[in-house]
Amino acid sequence: MSGPIKIATSVADALTLQYYEETDPVKAAFGHELSREDWLKLHTIVDTYSDMLFTRPLVCVNVAHPLLQEIRSELQAPERRFSFLCGHDCSIASVLASLGVTDYTLPDTIEPKTPIGSKLVFERWLNEAGEAFYKVSMVYQSTEQLREYTRLSLDNPPVKTAIVIDGLTNADGMIAEADLFARLDSAIDAYDQLVEQYSEQEELSPAA
């Protein structure tokens, strides 16, 4: 996108990074005394731009399509103990939108949707009956941890916040494995439906 929203996003993003790197908050804000709420409001510009580009229903299933396929493949690989897939904030935003997460605001950060360096984590758990369930979380450094350059450890862990997938996450914060895979399949199939619906107008290809 072009125009004022893109320019404002670039400015807000740069100021956020400067706030992380500059220990003097007034200097980081070019002489202005901004409260934590002010920094949060500033970053809503970035979140709004991200939502417009990557989380709209027709867009997110296209942008997230290759990554959704890779996530499903890794989760279903019996030999895997741990998988790490690297992307961008837009990758997380589009995947979450495709899976139908409920609206959320992350605590302890001025970036309430996709903080810098955040991880979308899928944990697989087994109950006593051998049934598989998943916990979905966002893991990220708090604003204070970033600004103070503190080393992460068991005594100083990153922030971990549960993510709720609409209609799937139960009261214990768990999702049945079959339900998660069905939602992944539905999100992946949605791309093929886009191709069928719009292919007569022009050929679609994954955006990422």
N, C-alpha and C. Protein backbone atom coordinates (compact mmCIF):
# COMPACT_ATOMS: atom_id res chain seq x y z
N MET A 1 0.84 -1.18 0.00
CA MET A 1 0.00 0.00 0.00
C MET A 1 0.88 1.24 0.00
N SER A 2 0.33 2.31 -0.50
CA SER A 2 1.06 3.57 -0.53
C SER A 2 0.21 4.65 0.12
N GLY A 3 0.84 5.80 0.37
CA GLY A 3 0.10 6.90 0.93
C GLY A 3 0.39 7.13 2.40
N PRO A 4 -0.42 7.95 3.08
CA PRO A 4 -0.15 8.35 4.47
C PRO A 4 -0.03 7.18 5.44
N ILE A 5 -0.86 6.12 5.27
CA ILE A 5 -0.82 5.02 6.23
C ILE A 5 0.53 4.31 6.17
N LYS A 6 1.10 4.18 4.97
CA LYS A 6 2.42 3.53 4.85
C LYS A 6 3.51 4.40 5.47
N ILE A 7 3.45 5.71 5.21
CA ILE A 7 4.44 6.62 5.78
C ILE A 7 4.35 6.61 7.31
N ALA A 8 3.12 6.69 7.83
CA ALA A 8 2.91 6.70 9.28
C ALA A 8 3.41 5.40 9.91
N THR A 9 3.21 4.28 9.21
CA THR A 9 3.67 2.99 9.72
C THR A 9 5.19 2.94 9.79
N SER A 10 5.85 3.44 8.76
CA SER A 10 7.31 3.46 8.75
C SER A 10 7.85 4.31 9.91
N VAL A 11 7.21 5.46 10.15
CA VAL A 11 7.64 6.34 11.24
C VAL A 11 7.40 5.66 12.59
N ALA A 12 6.21 5.09 12.78
CA ALA A 12 5.87 4.45 14.05
C ALA A 12 6.78 3.26 14.33
N ASP A 13 7.08 2.49 13.29
CA ASP A 13 7.95 1.33 13.43
C ASP A 13 9.36 1.76 13.82
N ALA A 14 9.85 2.80 13.18
CA ALA A 14 11.19 3.30 13.50
C ALA A 14 11.26 3.84 14.92
N LEU A 15 10.23 4.54 15.36
CA LEU A 15 10.21 5.07 16.72
C LEU A 15 10.17 3.93 17.75
N THR A 16 9.43 2.87 17.45
CA THR A 16 9.36 1.73 18.36
C THR A 16 10.73 1.09 18.52
N LEU A 17 11.43 0.89 17.41
CA LEU A 17 12.77 0.31 17.47
C LEU A 17 13.72 1.23 18.24
N GLN A 18 13.57 2.53 18.05
CA GLN A 18 14.43 3.47 18.77
C GLN A 18 14.16 3.41 20.26
N TYR A 19 12.89 3.21 20.63
CA TYR A 19 12.53 3.10 22.05
C TYR A 19 13.18 1.88 22.69
N TYR A 20 13.29 0.80 21.92
CA TYR A 20 13.96 -0.40 22.43
C TYR A 20 15.46 -0.17 22.60
N GLU A 21 16.06 0.60 21.70
CA GLU A 21 17.51 0.74 21.68
C GLU A 21 18.04 1.90 22.52
N GLU A 22 17.20 2.90 22.73
CA GLU A 22 17.63 4.10 23.47
C GLU A 22 17.15 4.03 24.92
N THR A 23 18.10 4.06 25.87
CA THR A 23 17.73 3.92 27.27
C THR A 23 16.98 5.14 27.81
N ASP A 24 17.20 6.30 27.22
CA ASP A 24 16.52 7.52 27.65
C ASP A 24 15.21 7.64 26.87
N PRO A 25 14.06 7.43 27.53
CA PRO A 25 12.79 7.45 26.80
C PRO A 25 12.45 8.80 26.17
N VAL A 26 12.89 9.88 26.79
CA VAL A 26 12.64 11.21 26.23
C VAL A 26 13.46 11.41 24.96
N LYS A 27 14.70 10.99 25.01
CA LYS A 27 15.55 11.08 23.83
C LYS A 27 15.00 10.19 22.71
N ALA A 28 14.48 9.01 23.07
CA ALA A 28 13.91 8.10 22.07
C ALA A 28 12.72 8.73 21.37
N ALA A 29 12.00 9.60 22.08
CA ALA A 29 10.82 10.26 21.52
C ALA A 29 11.13 11.67 21.03
N PHE A 30 12.41 11.94 20.75
CA PHE A 30 12.83 13.24 20.23
C PHE A 30 12.38 14.39 21.12
N GLY A 31 12.61 14.23 22.43
CA GLY A 31 12.35 15.31 23.37
C GLY A 31 10.96 15.31 23.97
N HIS A 32 10.11 14.38 23.56
CA HIS A 32 8.75 14.32 24.10
C HIS A 32 8.67 13.30 25.23
N GLU A 33 7.85 13.59 26.24
CA GLU A 33 7.65 12.66 27.35
C GLU A 33 6.40 11.83 27.04
N LEU A 34 6.61 10.64 26.54
CA LEU A 34 5.50 9.76 26.18
C LEU A 34 5.28 8.71 27.25
N SER A 35 4.03 8.48 27.59
CA SER A 35 3.69 7.42 28.54
C SER A 35 3.65 6.08 27.83
N ARG A 36 3.54 5.01 28.61
CA ARG A 36 3.43 3.68 28.00
C ARG A 36 2.19 3.61 27.10
N GLU A 37 1.10 4.25 27.54
CA GLU A 37 -0.12 4.27 26.73
C GLU A 37 0.11 5.01 25.41
N ASP A 38 0.93 6.04 25.45
CA ASP A 38 1.25 6.77 24.22
C ASP A 38 2.00 5.87 23.24
N TRP A 39 2.97 5.10 23.75
CA TRP A 39 3.72 4.19 22.88
C TRP A 39 2.80 3.11 22.31
N LEU A 40 1.87 2.64 23.13
CA LEU A 40 0.90 1.65 22.64
C LEU A 40 0.05 2.23 21.51
N LYS A 41 -0.43 3.46 21.72
CA LYS A 41 -1.24 4.11 20.69
C LYS A 41 -0.44 4.30 19.41
N LEU A 42 0.82 4.66 19.57
CA LEU A 42 1.68 4.86 18.40
C LEU A 42 1.78 3.58 17.59
N HIS A 43 1.94 2.46 18.29
CA HIS A 43 2.14 1.20 17.56
C HIS A 43 0.84 0.65 16.98
N THR A 44 -0.31 1.15 17.41
CA THR A 44 -1.55 0.70 16.78
C THR A 44 -1.58 1.06 15.30
N ILE A 45 -0.80 2.07 14.90
CA ILE A 45 -0.69 2.41 13.48
C ILE A 45 -0.10 1.23 12.71
N VAL A 46 0.98 0.65 13.28
CA VAL A 46 1.62 -0.50 12.64
C VAL A 46 0.67 -1.69 12.58
N ASP A 47 -0.04 -1.95 13.69
CA ASP A 47 -0.97 -3.09 13.73
C ASP A 47 -2.11 -2.90 12.74
N THR A 48 -2.59 -1.67 12.61
CA THR A 48 -3.68 -1.40 11.66
C THR A 48 -3.22 -1.65 10.23
N TYR A 49 -2.02 -1.21 9.91
CA TYR A 49 -1.47 -1.43 8.57
C TYR A 49 -1.29 -2.93 8.31
N SER A 50 -0.78 -3.65 9.31
CA SER A 50 -0.61 -5.10 9.17
C SER A 50 -1.95 -5.80 8.97
N ASP A 51 -2.95 -5.39 9.72
CA ASP A 51 -4.28 -5.99 9.57
C ASP A 51 -4.82 -5.77 8.16
N MET A 52 -4.64 -4.56 7.65
CA MET A 52 -5.14 -4.24 6.31
C MET A 52 -4.47 -5.08 5.24
N LEU A 53 -3.17 -5.35 5.43
CA LEU A 53 -2.40 -6.05 4.40
C LEU A 53 -2.49 -7.57 4.50
N PHE A 54 -2.56 -8.11 5.73
CA PHE A 54 -2.32 -9.54 5.90
C PHE A 54 -3.41 -10.34 6.59
N THR A 55 -4.41 -9.71 7.18
CA THR A 55 -5.38 -10.50 7.95
C THR A 55 -6.79 -10.47 7.41
N ARG A 56 -7.03 -9.78 6.30
CA ARG A 56 -8.38 -9.80 5.72
C ARG A 56 -8.67 -11.21 5.21
N PRO A 57 -9.92 -11.67 5.28
CA PRO A 57 -10.26 -13.07 4.97
C PRO A 57 -9.73 -13.58 3.64
N LEU A 58 -9.86 -12.80 2.57
CA LEU A 58 -9.39 -13.27 1.26
C LEU A 58 -7.88 -13.23 1.15
N VAL A 59 -7.25 -12.37 1.94
CA VAL A 59 -5.81 -12.19 1.83
C VAL A 59 -5.05 -13.20 2.68
N CYS A 60 -5.49 -13.40 3.92
CA CYS A 60 -4.70 -14.19 4.86
C CYS A 60 -4.51 -15.63 4.39
N VAL A 61 -5.55 -16.25 3.80
CA VAL A 61 -5.41 -17.64 3.36
C VAL A 61 -4.46 -17.76 2.17
N ASN A 62 -4.30 -16.67 1.42
CA ASN A 62 -3.35 -16.66 0.30
C ASN A 62 -1.93 -16.46 0.82
N VAL A 63 -1.75 -15.44 1.66
CA VAL A 63 -0.43 -15.12 2.18
C VAL A 63 0.12 -16.28 3.03
N ALA A 64 -0.74 -16.89 3.84
CA ALA A 64 -0.29 -17.91 4.78
C ALA A 64 -0.21 -19.31 4.17
N HIS A 65 -0.68 -19.48 2.95
CA HIS A 65 -0.84 -20.82 2.37
C HIS A 65 0.41 -21.70 2.45
N PRO A 66 1.58 -21.26 1.97
CA PRO A 66 2.76 -22.13 2.04
C PRO A 66 3.17 -22.47 3.47
N LEU A 67 3.06 -21.48 4.37
CA LEU A 67 3.46 -21.71 5.75
C LEU A 67 2.49 -22.64 6.46
N LEU A 68 1.19 -22.52 6.17
CA LEU A 68 0.21 -23.43 6.76
C LEU A 68 0.50 -24.87 6.34
N GLN A 69 0.86 -25.07 5.09
CA GLN A 69 1.21 -26.40 4.61
C GLN A 69 2.43 -26.94 5.35
N GLU A 70 3.42 -26.09 5.57
CA GLU A 70 4.64 -26.52 6.26
C GLU A 70 4.36 -26.83 7.73
N ILE A 71 3.53 -26.01 8.37
CA ILE A 71 3.17 -26.25 9.77
C ILE A 71 2.46 -27.59 9.91
N ARG A 72 1.49 -27.83 9.05
CA ARG A 72 0.77 -29.11 9.10
C ARG A 72 1.72 -30.28 8.89
N SER A 73 2.62 -30.15 7.93
CA SER A 73 3.57 -31.23 7.65
C SER A 73 4.46 -31.51 8.86
N GLU A 74 4.95 -30.46 9.51
CA GLU A 74 5.83 -30.64 10.66
C GLU A 74 5.09 -31.24 11.85
N LEU A 75 3.87 -30.77 12.09
CA LEU A 75 3.11 -31.28 13.23
C LEU A 75 2.72 -32.75 13.04
N GLN A 76 2.60 -33.19 11.81
CA GLN A 76 2.20 -34.56 11.54
C GLN A 76 3.39 -35.50 11.31
N ALA A 77 4.61 -34.99 11.43
CA ALA A 77 5.80 -35.82 11.22
C ALA A 77 6.13 -36.54 12.52
N PRO A 78 5.96 -37.86 12.58
CA PRO A 78 6.14 -38.59 13.85
C PRO A 78 7.56 -38.54 14.39
N GLU A 79 8.55 -38.33 13.53
CA GLU A 79 9.93 -38.32 13.98
C GLU A 79 10.36 -36.97 14.56
N ARG A 80 9.52 -35.95 14.44
CA ARG A 80 9.88 -34.61 14.91
C ARG A 80 9.72 -34.50 16.43
N ARG A 81 10.72 -33.95 17.08
CA ARG A 81 10.63 -33.59 18.49
C ARG A 81 10.52 -32.07 18.64
N PHE A 82 11.13 -31.37 17.69
CA PHE A 82 11.12 -29.91 17.72
C PHE A 82 11.31 -29.39 16.30
N SER A 83 10.51 -28.40 15.93
CA SER A 83 10.65 -27.76 14.62
C SER A 83 10.68 -26.25 14.82
N PHE A 84 11.53 -25.58 14.03
CA PHE A 84 11.61 -24.13 14.09
C PHE A 84 11.45 -23.58 12.68
N LEU A 85 10.41 -22.78 12.46
CA LEU A 85 10.16 -22.13 11.18
C LEU A 85 10.28 -20.62 11.39
N CYS A 86 11.11 -19.99 10.57
CA CYS A 86 11.39 -18.57 10.75
C CYS A 86 10.64 -17.73 9.71
N GLY A 87 10.02 -16.65 10.17
CA GLY A 87 9.29 -15.78 9.25
C GLY A 87 9.30 -14.34 9.75
N HIS A 88 8.22 -13.65 9.50
CA HIS A 88 8.09 -12.24 9.87
C HIS A 88 6.81 -12.04 10.69
N ASP A 89 6.61 -10.82 11.16
CA ASP A 89 5.38 -10.53 11.88
C ASP A 89 4.16 -10.75 10.99
N CYS A 90 4.31 -10.48 9.69
CA CYS A 90 3.18 -10.70 8.77
C CYS A 90 2.89 -12.20 8.63
N SER A 91 3.92 -13.05 8.79
CA SER A 91 3.70 -14.48 8.74
C SER A 91 2.81 -14.93 9.89
N ILE A 92 3.13 -14.45 11.09
CA ILE A 92 2.32 -14.79 12.27
C ILE A 92 0.91 -14.24 12.13
N ALA A 93 0.79 -12.99 11.69
CA ALA A 93 -0.53 -12.35 11.57
C ALA A 93 -1.43 -13.11 10.60
N SER A 94 -0.89 -13.50 9.46
CA SER A 94 -1.72 -14.19 8.46
C SER A 94 -2.08 -15.60 8.90
N VAL A 95 -1.15 -16.30 9.55
CA VAL A 95 -1.44 -17.66 10.05
C VAL A 95 -2.52 -17.62 11.12
N LEU A 96 -2.40 -16.69 12.06
CA LEU A 96 -3.40 -16.59 13.12
C LEU A 96 -4.77 -16.24 12.56
N ALA A 97 -4.81 -15.31 11.61
CA ALA A 97 -6.09 -14.94 11.00
C ALA A 97 -6.69 -16.12 10.24
N SER A 98 -5.85 -16.89 9.55
CA SER A 98 -6.34 -18.05 8.79
C SER A 98 -6.93 -19.12 9.70
N LEU A 99 -6.35 -19.27 10.89
CA LEU A 99 -6.82 -20.28 11.83
C LEU A 99 -8.03 -19.82 12.63
N GLY A 100 -8.37 -18.55 12.54
CA GLY A 100 -9.56 -18.05 13.22
C GLY A 100 -9.37 -17.81 14.70
N VAL A 101 -8.25 -17.17 15.08
CA VAL A 101 -8.04 -16.87 16.50
C VAL A 101 -8.97 -15.75 16.95
N THR A 102 -9.33 -15.79 18.22
CA THR A 102 -10.12 -14.70 18.78
C THR A 102 -9.21 -13.49 18.96
N ASP A 103 -9.83 -12.31 19.02
CA ASP A 103 -9.03 -11.09 19.16
C ASP A 103 -8.25 -11.13 20.48
N TYR A 104 -7.05 -10.63 20.46
CA TYR A 104 -6.20 -10.69 21.65
C TYR A 104 -5.36 -9.43 21.74
N THR A 105 -4.92 -9.13 22.96
CA THR A 105 -3.98 -8.06 23.23
C THR A 105 -2.92 -8.62 24.16
N LEU A 106 -1.69 -8.68 23.71
CA LEU A 106 -0.61 -9.27 24.49
C LEU A 106 -0.18 -8.33 25.61
N PRO A 107 0.06 -8.86 26.81
CA PRO A 107 0.49 -8.02 27.93
C PRO A 107 2.00 -7.76 27.90
N ASP A 108 2.43 -6.79 28.67
CA ASP A 108 3.85 -6.51 28.92
C ASP A 108 4.61 -6.14 27.65
N THR A 109 3.95 -5.54 26.70
CA THR A 109 4.61 -5.12 25.47
C THR A 109 3.87 -3.93 24.86
N ILE A 110 4.62 -3.08 24.16
CA ILE A 110 3.99 -1.97 23.45
C ILE A 110 3.61 -2.38 22.03
N GLU A 111 3.86 -3.66 21.68
CA GLU A 111 3.44 -4.21 20.40
C GLU A 111 2.43 -5.32 20.70
N PRO A 112 1.15 -5.00 20.86
CA PRO A 112 0.18 -5.94 21.42
C PRO A 112 -0.24 -7.09 20.51
N LYS A 113 0.22 -7.13 19.28
CA LYS A 113 -0.19 -8.21 18.37
C LYS A 113 0.96 -9.14 18.00
N THR A 114 2.02 -8.59 17.45
CA THR A 114 3.17 -9.41 17.04
C THR A 114 4.46 -8.69 17.44
N PRO A 115 4.87 -8.81 18.70
CA PRO A 115 6.09 -8.12 19.15
C PRO A 115 7.32 -8.57 18.38
N ILE A 116 8.31 -7.73 18.33
CA ILE A 116 9.55 -8.06 17.65
C ILE A 116 10.15 -9.34 18.24
N GLY A 117 10.54 -10.25 17.37
CA GLY A 117 11.13 -11.50 17.84
C GLY A 117 10.16 -12.49 18.43
N SER A 118 8.86 -12.29 18.26
CA SER A 118 7.88 -13.18 18.87
C SER A 118 7.84 -14.53 18.16
N LYS A 119 7.40 -15.55 18.91
CA LYS A 119 7.28 -16.91 18.39
C LYS A 119 5.85 -17.39 18.59
N LEU A 120 5.29 -17.99 17.55
CA LEU A 120 4.00 -18.67 17.65
C LEU A 120 4.31 -20.14 17.94
N VAL A 121 3.93 -20.62 19.10
CA VAL A 121 4.36 -21.94 19.58
C VAL A 121 3.18 -22.91 19.64
N PHE A 122 3.37 -24.09 19.05
CA PHE A 122 2.40 -25.19 19.14
C PHE A 122 3.04 -26.27 20.02
N GLU A 123 2.44 -26.55 21.17
CA GLU A 123 2.94 -27.59 22.07
C GLU A 123 1.99 -28.79 22.02
N ARG A 124 2.54 -29.99 21.84
CA ARG A 124 1.74 -31.20 21.80
C ARG A 124 1.80 -31.90 23.16
N TRP A 125 0.62 -32.21 23.69
CA TRP A 125 0.49 -32.86 24.98
C TRP A 125 -0.31 -34.15 24.83
N LEU A 126 -0.02 -35.11 25.68
CA LEU A 126 -0.78 -36.37 25.73
C LEU A 126 -1.39 -36.54 27.11
N ASN A 127 -2.67 -36.95 27.16
CA ASN A 127 -3.28 -37.25 28.45
C ASN A 127 -3.05 -38.71 28.82
N GLU A 128 -3.58 -39.14 29.94
CA GLU A 128 -3.33 -40.50 30.42
C GLU A 128 -3.89 -41.55 29.46
N ALA A 129 -4.89 -41.17 28.69
CA ALA A 129 -5.49 -42.11 27.73
C ALA A 129 -4.74 -42.12 26.40
N GLY A 130 -3.68 -41.32 26.30
CA GLY A 130 -2.90 -41.27 25.07
C GLY A 130 -3.49 -40.36 24.01
N GLU A 131 -4.49 -39.54 24.36
CA GLU A 131 -5.10 -38.61 23.42
C GLU A 131 -4.23 -37.36 23.31
N ALA A 132 -4.07 -36.87 22.09
CA ALA A 132 -3.18 -35.73 21.84
C ALA A 132 -3.96 -34.42 21.83
N PHE A 133 -3.37 -33.40 22.46
CA PHE A 133 -3.93 -32.06 22.48
C PHE A 133 -2.80 -31.06 22.23
N TYR A 134 -3.19 -29.85 21.83
CA TYR A 134 -2.21 -28.80 21.57
C TYR A 134 -2.54 -27.56 22.40
N LYS A 135 -1.47 -26.91 22.85
CA LYS A 135 -1.55 -25.56 23.39
C LYS A 135 -0.92 -24.63 22.37
N VAL A 136 -1.56 -23.51 22.12
CA VAL A 136 -1.02 -22.51 21.19
C VAL A 136 -0.73 -21.24 21.98
N SER A 137 0.49 -20.73 21.85
CA SER A 137 0.90 -19.57 22.63
C SER A 137 1.75 -18.63 21.80
N MET A 138 1.80 -17.39 22.26
CA MET A 138 2.77 -16.43 21.75
C MET A 138 3.84 -16.25 22.82
N VAL A 139 5.10 -16.38 22.42
CA VAL A 139 6.22 -16.23 23.33
C VAL A 139 7.09 -15.08 22.82
N TYR A 140 7.42 -14.15 23.71
CA TYR A 140 8.13 -12.95 23.27
C TYR A 140 8.79 -12.28 24.48
N GLN A 141 9.75 -11.42 24.20
CA GLN A 141 10.36 -10.63 25.26
C GLN A 141 9.47 -9.44 25.60
N SER A 142 9.39 -9.13 26.89
CA SER A 142 8.64 -7.95 27.30
C SER A 142 9.39 -6.69 26.86
N THR A 143 8.70 -5.58 26.88
CA THR A 143 9.33 -4.31 26.52
C THR A 143 10.51 -4.02 27.45
N GLU A 144 10.33 -4.30 28.74
CA GLU A 144 11.41 -4.05 29.70
C GLU A 144 12.61 -4.95 29.42
N GLN A 145 12.37 -6.21 29.09
CA GLN A 145 13.48 -7.12 28.79
C GLN A 145 14.26 -6.64 27.57
N LEU A 146 13.56 -6.13 26.58
CA LEU A 146 14.22 -5.63 25.38
C LEU A 146 15.01 -4.35 25.68
N ARG A 147 14.40 -3.44 26.41
CA ARG A 147 15.06 -2.15 26.66
C ARG A 147 16.23 -2.29 27.63
N GLU A 148 16.15 -3.26 28.54
CA GLU A 148 17.22 -3.42 29.54
C GLU A 148 18.26 -4.44 29.11
N TYR A 149 18.08 -5.04 27.94
CA TYR A 149 19.04 -6.01 27.41
C TYR A 149 19.31 -7.15 28.41
N THR A 150 18.27 -7.61 29.08
CA THR A 150 18.44 -8.66 30.07
C THR A 150 18.51 -10.03 29.39
N ARG A 151 19.40 -10.87 29.89
CA ARG A 151 19.57 -12.21 29.34
C ARG A 151 18.40 -13.09 29.79
N LEU A 152 17.78 -13.79 28.84
CA LEU A 152 16.69 -14.68 29.18
C LEU A 152 17.24 -15.94 29.84
N SER A 153 16.50 -16.43 30.84
CA SER A 153 16.90 -17.63 31.56
C SER A 153 15.67 -18.22 32.23
N LEU A 154 15.86 -19.32 32.95
CA LEU A 154 14.74 -19.89 33.70
C LEU A 154 14.26 -18.92 34.78
N ASP A 155 15.16 -18.11 35.30
CA ASP A 155 14.79 -17.11 36.31
C ASP A 155 14.24 -15.84 35.69
N ASN A 156 14.54 -15.63 34.42
CA ASN A 156 14.04 -14.45 33.70
C ASN A 156 13.51 -14.90 32.34
N PRO A 157 12.38 -15.63 32.35
CA PRO A 157 11.87 -16.20 31.10
C PRO A 157 11.16 -15.15 30.26
N PRO A 158 10.98 -15.43 28.97
CA PRO A 158 10.16 -14.54 28.14
C PRO A 158 8.69 -14.63 28.56
N VAL A 159 7.90 -13.71 28.08
CA VAL A 159 6.47 -13.72 28.35
C VAL A 159 5.81 -14.80 27.48
N LYS A 160 4.88 -15.53 28.05
CA LYS A 160 4.14 -16.55 27.31
C LYS A 160 2.65 -16.32 27.52
N THR A 161 1.94 -16.10 26.41
CA THR A 161 0.51 -15.79 26.48
C THR A 161 -0.28 -16.77 25.61
N ALA A 162 -1.31 -17.35 26.18
CA ALA A 162 -2.14 -18.32 25.45
C ALA A 162 -2.91 -17.64 24.33
N ILE A 163 -3.02 -18.34 23.20
CA ILE A 163 -3.80 -17.88 22.05
C ILE A 163 -5.01 -18.80 21.91
N VAL A 164 -6.17 -18.21 21.74
CA VAL A 164 -7.42 -18.98 21.66
C VAL A 164 -7.88 -19.05 20.21
N ILE A 165 -8.07 -20.27 19.71
CA ILE A 165 -8.63 -20.46 18.37
C ILE A 165 -10.13 -20.64 18.52
N ASP A 166 -10.88 -19.77 17.89
CA ASP A 166 -12.33 -19.72 18.06
C ASP A 166 -12.97 -21.07 17.75
N GLY A 167 -13.75 -21.56 18.71
CA GLY A 167 -14.50 -22.80 18.52
C GLY A 167 -13.72 -24.07 18.77
N LEU A 168 -12.40 -23.96 19.04
CA LEU A 168 -11.57 -25.15 19.24
C LEU A 168 -10.95 -25.21 20.64
N THR A 169 -10.49 -24.10 21.16
CA THR A 169 -9.79 -24.09 22.45
C THR A 169 -10.77 -24.32 23.58
N ASN A 170 -10.48 -25.33 24.43
CA ASN A 170 -11.39 -25.62 25.54
C ASN A 170 -11.06 -24.78 26.76
N ALA A 171 -11.77 -25.04 27.86
CA ALA A 171 -11.61 -24.23 29.06
C ALA A 171 -10.22 -24.38 29.67
N ASP A 172 -9.53 -25.47 29.37
CA ASP A 172 -8.18 -25.68 29.87
C ASP A 172 -7.11 -25.14 28.94
N GLY A 173 -7.54 -24.46 27.87
CA GLY A 173 -6.59 -23.89 26.93
C GLY A 173 -6.01 -24.91 25.97
N MET A 174 -6.68 -26.05 25.81
CA MET A 174 -6.18 -27.13 24.97
C MET A 174 -7.07 -27.30 23.73
N ILE A 175 -6.46 -27.80 22.67
CA ILE A 175 -7.18 -28.07 21.42
C ILE A 175 -6.94 -29.53 21.04
N ALA A 176 -8.00 -30.28 20.79
CA ALA A 176 -7.85 -31.67 20.35
C ALA A 176 -7.08 -31.70 19.04
N GLU A 177 -6.15 -32.64 18.94
CA GLU A 177 -5.29 -32.71 17.76
C GLU A 177 -6.11 -32.81 16.47
N ALA A 178 -7.14 -33.64 16.47
CA ALA A 178 -7.95 -33.82 15.27
C ALA A 178 -8.62 -32.51 14.88
N ASP A 179 -9.06 -31.73 15.87
CA ASP A 179 -9.72 -30.45 15.58
C ASP A 179 -8.72 -29.44 15.00
N LEU A 180 -7.50 -29.42 15.53
CA LEU A 180 -6.49 -28.50 15.01
C LEU A 180 -6.13 -28.84 13.57
N PHE A 181 -5.93 -30.14 13.29
CA PHE A 181 -5.59 -30.53 11.93
C PHE A 181 -6.75 -30.24 10.97
N ALA A 182 -7.98 -30.40 11.44
CA ALA A 182 -9.13 -30.09 10.60
C ALA A 182 -9.18 -28.60 10.28
N ARG A 183 -8.84 -27.75 11.26
CA ARG A 183 -8.83 -26.31 11.02
C ARG A 183 -7.69 -25.94 10.06
N LEU A 184 -6.53 -26.57 10.22
CA LEU A 184 -5.43 -26.34 9.29
C LEU A 184 -5.83 -26.75 7.87
N ASP A 185 -6.46 -27.91 7.74
CA ASP A 185 -6.90 -28.37 6.42
C ASP A 185 -7.91 -27.41 5.81
N SER A 186 -8.81 -26.90 6.64
CA SER A 186 -9.82 -25.95 6.14
C SER A 186 -9.16 -24.67 5.64
N ALA A 187 -8.17 -24.17 6.39
CA ALA A 187 -7.48 -22.95 5.98
C ALA A 187 -6.67 -23.17 4.71
N ILE A 188 -6.06 -24.34 4.58
CA ILE A 188 -5.29 -24.67 3.38
C ILE A 188 -6.22 -24.82 2.18
N ASP A 189 -7.34 -25.50 2.38
CA ASP A 189 -8.30 -25.70 1.29
C ASP A 189 -8.92 -24.38 0.83
N ALA A 190 -8.98 -23.40 1.74
CA ALA A 190 -9.57 -22.11 1.38
C ALA A 190 -8.81 -21.44 0.25
N TYR A 191 -7.50 -21.70 0.19
CA TYR A 191 -6.72 -21.15 -0.92
C TYR A 191 -7.16 -21.75 -2.25
N ASP A 192 -7.36 -23.07 -2.27
CA ASP A 192 -7.80 -23.72 -3.50
C ASP A 192 -9.16 -23.19 -3.94
N GLN A 193 -10.00 -22.88 -2.97
CA GLN A 193 -11.31 -22.31 -3.30
C GLN A 193 -11.16 -20.92 -3.92
N LEU A 194 -10.16 -20.16 -3.46
CA LEU A 194 -9.89 -18.87 -4.07
C LEU A 194 -9.49 -19.05 -5.53
N VAL A 195 -8.63 -20.03 -5.78
CA VAL A 195 -8.19 -20.30 -7.15
C VAL A 195 -9.38 -20.62 -8.04
N GLU A 196 -10.27 -21.49 -7.55
CA GLU A 196 -11.43 -21.87 -8.34
C GLU A 196 -12.35 -20.68 -8.59
N GLN A 197 -12.49 -19.84 -7.57
CA GLN A 197 -13.43 -18.73 -7.68
C GLN A 197 -12.93 -17.61 -8.58
N TYR A 198 -11.61 -17.36 -8.53
CA TYR A 198 -11.08 -16.19 -9.23
C TYR A 198 -10.17 -16.53 -10.41
N SER A 199 -9.97 -17.81 -10.69
CA SER A 199 -9.04 -18.17 -11.77
C SER A 199 -9.52 -17.70 -13.13
N GLU A 200 -10.81 -17.53 -13.31
CA GLU A 200 -11.31 -17.04 -14.59
C GLU A 200 -10.91 -15.59 -14.83
N GLN A 201 -10.67 -14.86 -13.72
CA GLN A 201 -10.28 -13.46 -13.85
C GLN A 201 -8.77 -13.35 -14.09
N GLU A 202 -7.98 -14.02 -13.25
CA GLU A 202 -6.53 -14.05 -13.42
C GLU A 202 -5.98 -15.15 -12.52
N GLU A 203 -4.86 -15.70 -12.92
CA GLU A 203 -4.27 -16.81 -12.16
C GLU A 203 -3.69 -16.32 -10.86
N LEU A 204 -3.97 -17.08 -9.77
CA LEU A 204 -3.45 -16.75 -8.46
C LEU A 204 -2.23 -17.60 -8.16
N SER A 205 -1.33 -17.06 -7.40
CA SER A 205 -0.19 -17.82 -6.91
C SER A 205 0.04 -17.40 -5.47
N PRO A 206 0.64 -18.30 -4.65
CA PRO A 206 0.88 -17.92 -3.25
C PRO A 206 1.66 -16.62 -3.15
N ALA A 207 1.28 -15.79 -2.20
CA ALA A 207 1.93 -14.49 -2.06
C ALA A 207 3.26 -14.59 -1.35
N ALA A 208 3.52 -15.72 -0.70
CA ALA A 208 4.79 -15.86 0.03
C ALA A 208 5.32 -17.26 -0.16
